[in-house]
Every structure is written in C-alpha cells, then in structure tokens.
Amino acid sequence: MSYFKILSVALGGWMVLGGLGAVFYVEGLKRLTAKLYPEGRQGWIPIVGAMVLALVLWTWMEFVKAVSMENFVVTLVMSLGLAKVAPLVFYYRKSREFLLALVAEPLAFRVVALSSAAVGLALLMMGIFF
C-alpha cells in the first residue's frame, strides 16, 4: 500500500467519524471545545502546528516523487488542513472566538461537520478503490 493510500484511508476515516460524531454529540463537543481552548493559548498548540507542517511538507515531497491526480487530491486536502491549523497557532484568540461561535450555532456547525464528513468519505473511497 502506498503512502497516499494509507494517508487517504486514515484521513478519510478520521474525517467521516469526526464529522458524524460532531453532528450527533454537539453538546459534548461544546464542552470539549471550551476545555481544549481556554482563554490562554496552550503549549501543545504550536507543537501540533509544527507536526502538521512537517506532515504537509512530507506529503508534498512524496507527491513530487509520484505525481498523479489522486496523489494531488490527498496533498491538497493535507495543505488545507495546514491552512486550518495555522490561524490557530498564530491568531489564537480570534480562532478561539470563531470556534466557540461556530460550535454555539448548531445549524452552521452541522453543515461544516457534514461537509467535512463528505470530503472524508470521498477520500476514503478514493483510498480504497484507486
């Protein structure tokens, strides 16, 4: 199994489970979000940001080695993940406000969670069948 198949199945499965879990456990996720993102930035946030950056750079290096359309899709999704983590690292206060406001609005949060699950399902199917 190639790097991109493993990454696609893992990332797709995580997105599907996370998206569906977020839809069905909104109240628990509200409490978890408030606990994970307190007023002051936690020390683990820059570490996770650096790990995501390293994974995205490694994915781009693997993409350059084996260029294909399927690999590009996985690489693009990984790069979008970095775009999601970077504001949390550099603009923690604004990102926290946005996250808490999104979780507080049930319809908007469900749309975002289900959209993530749909993209995850597409990645999962691509990893399994291609």
C-alpha atoms as a PDB file:
ATOM      1  CA  MET A   1       0.000   0.000   0.000  1.00  0.00           C
ATOM      2  CA  SER A   2       1.417   3.383  -0.952  1.00  0.00           C
ATOM      3  CA  TYR A   3       1.856   6.395   1.288  1.00  0.00           C
ATOM      4  CA  PHE A   4      -1.073   8.171  -0.333  1.00  0.00           C
ATOM      5  CA  LYS A   5      -3.445   5.218   0.033  1.00  0.00           C
ATOM      6  CA  ILE A   6      -2.620   4.918   3.732  1.00  0.00           C
ATOM      7  CA  LEU A   7      -2.947   8.678   4.234  1.00  0.00           C
ATOM      8  CA  SER A   8      -6.182   8.810   2.255  1.00  0.00           C
ATOM      9  CA  VAL A   9      -7.816   5.963   4.199  1.00  0.00           C
ATOM     10  CA  ALA A  10      -6.622   7.280   7.574  1.00  0.00           C
ATOM     11  CA  LEU A  11      -7.548  10.902   6.904  1.00  0.00           C
ATOM     12  CA  GLY A  12     -10.854   9.981   5.250  1.00  0.00           C
ATOM     13  CA  GLY A  13     -11.866   7.680   8.088  1.00  0.00           C
ATOM     14  CA  TRP A  14     -10.951  10.302  10.661  1.00  0.00           C
ATOM     15  CA  MET A  15     -12.954  12.967   8.830  1.00  0.00           C
ATOM     16  CA  VAL A  16     -16.027  10.739   8.456  1.00  0.00           C
ATOM     17  CA  LEU A  17     -16.007   9.616  12.084  1.00  0.00           C
ATOM     18  CA  GLY A  18     -15.233  13.109  13.343  1.00  0.00           C
ATOM     19  CA  GLY A  19     -17.893  14.749  11.191  1.00  0.00           C
ATOM     20  CA  LEU A  20     -20.598  12.274  12.145  1.00  0.00           C
ATOM     21  CA  GLY A  21     -19.565  12.326  15.789  1.00  0.00           C
ATOM     22  CA  ALA A  22     -19.688  16.108  15.795  1.00  0.00           C
ATOM     23  CA  VAL A  23     -23.227  16.066  14.389  1.00  0.00           C
ATOM     24  CA  PHE A  24     -24.563  13.598  16.932  1.00  0.00           C
ATOM     25  CA  TYR A  25     -22.633  14.808  20.006  1.00  0.00           C
ATOM     26  CA  VAL A  26     -22.899  18.599  19.732  1.00  0.00           C
ATOM     27  CA  GLU A  27     -23.272  19.215  23.468  1.00  0.00           C
ATOM     28  CA  GLY A  28     -20.278  17.079  24.341  1.00  0.00           C
ATOM     29  CA  LEU A  29     -18.258  18.819  21.664  1.00  0.00           C
ATOM     30  CA  LYS A  30     -19.185  22.231  23.069  1.00  0.00           C
ATOM     31  CA  ARG A  31     -17.764  21.197  26.443  1.00  0.00           C
ATOM     32  CA  LEU A  32     -14.675  19.669  24.844  1.00  0.00           C
ATOM     33  CA  THR A  33     -14.010  22.788  22.754  1.00  0.00           C
ATOM     34  CA  ALA A  34     -14.279  25.021  25.809  1.00  0.00           C
ATOM     35  CA  LYS A  35     -11.883  22.733  27.689  1.00  0.00           C
ATOM     36  CA  LEU A  36      -9.345  22.372  24.851  1.00  0.00           C
ATOM     37  CA  TYR A  37      -9.231  26.066  24.002  1.00  0.00           C
ATOM     38  CA  PRO A  38      -9.195  28.125  27.223  1.00  0.00           C
ATOM     39  CA  GLU A  39      -8.508  31.871  27.293  1.00  0.00           C
ATOM     40  CA  GLY A  40      -4.736  31.493  27.169  1.00  0.00           C
ATOM     41  CA  ARG A  41      -3.036  29.530  24.388  1.00  0.00           C
ATOM     42  CA  GLN A  42      -1.937  26.071  25.478  1.00  0.00           C
ATOM     43  CA  GLY A  43       1.642  24.899  24.986  1.00  0.00           C
ATOM     44  CA  TRP A  44       0.602  21.945  22.840  1.00  0.00           C
ATOM     45  CA  ILE A  45      -0.880  24.097  20.066  1.00  0.00           C
ATOM     46  CA  PRO A  46       2.437  25.214  18.466  1.00  0.00           C
ATOM     47  CA  ILE A  47       3.749  21.652  18.743  1.00  0.00           C
ATOM     48  CA  VAL A  48       0.735  20.278  16.885  1.00  0.00           C
ATOM     49  CA  GLY A  49       1.102  23.075  14.322  1.00  0.00           C
ATOM     50  CA  ALA A  50       4.731  22.104  13.717  1.00  0.00           C
ATOM     51  CA  MET A  51       3.759  18.445  13.373  1.00  0.00           C
ATOM     52  CA  VAL A  52       1.054  19.292  10.830  1.00  0.00           C
ATOM     53  CA  LEU A  53       3.538  21.444   8.904  1.00  0.00           C
ATOM     54  CA  ALA A  54       6.046  18.586   8.850  1.00  0.00           C
ATOM     55  CA  LEU A  55       3.385  16.152   7.631  1.00  0.00           C
ATOM     56  CA  VAL A  56       2.261  18.529   4.880  1.00  0.00           C
ATOM     57  CA  LEU A  57       5.847  19.105   3.715  1.00  0.00           C
ATOM     58  CA  TRP A  58       6.497  15.356   3.703  1.00  0.00           C
ATOM     59  CA  THR A  59       3.286  14.824   1.726  1.00  0.00           C
ATOM     60  CA  TRP A  60       4.393  17.408  -0.861  1.00  0.00           C
ATOM     61  CA  MET A  61       7.780  15.692  -1.153  1.00  0.00           C
ATOM     62  CA  GLU A  62       6.056  12.343  -1.722  1.00  0.00           C
ATOM     63  CA  PHE A  63       3.768  13.986  -4.285  1.00  0.00           C
ATOM     64  CA  VAL A  64       6.736  15.325  -6.238  1.00  0.00           C
ATOM     65  CA  LYS A  65       8.170  11.787  -6.310  1.00  0.00           C
ATOM     66  CA  ALA A  66       4.929  10.195  -7.566  1.00  0.00           C
ATOM     67  CA  VAL A  67       2.835  12.744  -9.440  1.00  0.00           C
ATOM     68  CA  SER A  68      -0.752  11.681 -10.154  1.00  0.00           C
ATOM     69  CA  MET A  69      -4.211  13.191  -9.855  1.00  0.00           C
ATOM     70  CA  GLU A  70      -5.173  11.005  -6.867  1.00  0.00           C
ATOM     71  CA  ASN A  71      -1.987  11.965  -5.029  1.00  0.00           C
ATOM     72  CA  PHE A  72      -2.686  15.624  -5.757  1.00  0.00           C
ATOM     73  CA  VAL A  73      -6.137  15.397  -4.169  1.00  0.00           C
ATOM     74  CA  VAL A  74      -4.696  13.943  -0.960  1.00  0.00           C
ATOM     75  CA  THR A  75      -1.900  16.535  -0.965  1.00  0.00           C
ATOM     76  CA  LEU A  76      -4.414  19.351  -1.460  1.00  0.00           C
ATOM     77  CA  VAL A  77      -6.567  18.154   1.444  1.00  0.00           C
ATOM     78  CA  MET A  78      -3.460  17.966   3.644  1.00  0.00           C
ATOM     79  CA  SER A  79      -2.489  21.505   2.630  1.00  0.00           C
ATOM     80  CA  LEU A  80      -5.974  22.739   3.502  1.00  0.00           C
ATOM     81  CA  GLY A  81      -5.518  21.147   6.912  1.00  0.00           C
ATOM     82  CA  LEU A  82      -2.423  23.285   7.379  1.00  0.00           C
ATOM     83  CA  ALA A  83      -4.460  26.337   6.395  1.00  0.00           C
ATOM     84  CA  LYS A  84      -6.883  25.392   9.163  1.00  0.00           C
ATOM     85  CA  VAL A  85      -4.187  24.934  11.823  1.00  0.00           C
ATOM     86  CA  ALA A  86      -2.043  27.995  11.024  1.00  0.00           C
ATOM     87  CA  PRO A  87      -4.552  30.628  12.256  1.00  0.00           C
ATOM     88  CA  LEU A  88      -4.928  28.675  15.493  1.00  0.00           C
ATOM     89  CA  VAL A  89      -1.169  28.861  16.040  1.00  0.00           C
ATOM     90  CA  PHE A  90      -0.646  32.489  15.053  1.00  0.00           C
ATOM     91  CA  TYR A  91      -4.019  34.099  15.895  1.00  0.00           C
ATOM     92  CA  TYR A  92      -5.182  32.005  18.821  1.00  0.00           C
ATOM     93  CA  ARG A  93      -7.627  34.480  20.347  1.00  0.00           C
ATOM     94  CA  LYS A  94      -9.531  35.157  17.107  1.00  0.00           C
ATOM     95  CA  SER A  95      -9.509  31.474  16.149  1.00  0.00           C
ATOM     96  CA  ARG A  96     -10.863  30.529  19.560  1.00  0.00           C
ATOM     97  CA  GLU A  97     -13.670  33.079  19.237  1.00  0.00           C
ATOM     98  CA  PHE A  98     -14.537  31.705  15.802  1.00  0.00           C
ATOM     99  CA  LEU A  99     -14.533  28.077  17.023  1.00  0.00           C
ATOM    100  CA  LEU A 100     -16.696  28.837  20.035  1.00  0.00           C
ATOM    101  CA  ALA A 101     -19.132  30.851  17.903  1.00  0.00           C
ATOM    102  CA  LEU A 102     -19.310  28.042  15.333  1.00  0.00           C
ATOM    103  CA  VAL A 103     -19.995  25.390  17.975  1.00  0.00           C
ATOM    104  CA  ALA A 104     -22.633  27.653  19.559  1.00  0.00           C
ATOM    105  CA  GLU A 105     -24.573  27.857  16.264  1.00  0.00           C
ATOM    106  CA  PRO A 106     -25.947  24.319  15.738  1.00  0.00           C
ATOM    107  CA  LEU A 107     -27.024  24.570  12.087  1.00  0.00           C
ATOM    108  CA  ALA A 108     -23.799  26.148  10.856  1.00  0.00           C
ATOM    109  CA  PHE A 109     -21.754  23.676  12.855  1.00  0.00           C
ATOM    110  CA  ARG A 110     -23.662  20.712  11.444  1.00  0.00           C
ATOM    111  CA  VAL A 111     -23.161  21.992   7.900  1.00  0.00           C
ATOM    112  CA  VAL A 112     -19.410  22.301   8.454  1.00  0.00           C
ATOM    113  CA  ALA A 113     -19.219  18.882  10.134  1.00  0.00           C
ATOM    114  CA  LEU A 114     -21.232  17.140   7.423  1.00  0.00           C
ATOM    115  CA  SER A 115     -19.189  18.859   4.707  1.00  0.00           C
ATOM    116  CA  SER A 116     -16.050  17.560   6.351  1.00  0.00           C
ATOM    117  CA  ALA A 117     -17.577  14.079   6.559  1.00  0.00           C
ATOM    118  CA  ALA A 118     -18.477  14.203   2.850  1.00  0.00           C
ATOM    119  CA  VAL A 119     -14.929  15.156   1.851  1.00  0.00           C
ATOM    120  CA  GLY A 120     -13.663  12.444   4.182  1.00  0.00           C
ATOM    121  CA  LEU A 121     -15.949   9.881   2.567  1.00  0.00           C
ATOM    122  CA  ALA A 122     -14.628  10.854  -0.862  1.00  0.00           C
ATOM    123  CA  LEU A 123     -11.036  10.470   0.401  1.00  0.00           C
ATOM    124  CA  LEU A 124     -11.854   7.137   1.997  1.00  0.00           C
ATOM    125  CA  MET A 125     -13.426   5.786  -1.185  1.00  0.00           C
ATOM    126  CA  MET A 126     -10.545   7.109  -3.263  1.00  0.00           C
ATOM    127  CA  GLY A 127      -8.051   5.404  -0.959  1.00  0.00           C
ATOM    128  CA  ILE A 128      -9.908   2.115  -1.079  1.00  0.00           C
ATOM    129  CA  PHE A 129     -10.733   1.939  -4.788  1.00  0.00           C
ATOM    130  CA  PHE A 130      -7.867   3.759  -6.554  1.00  0.00           C
END
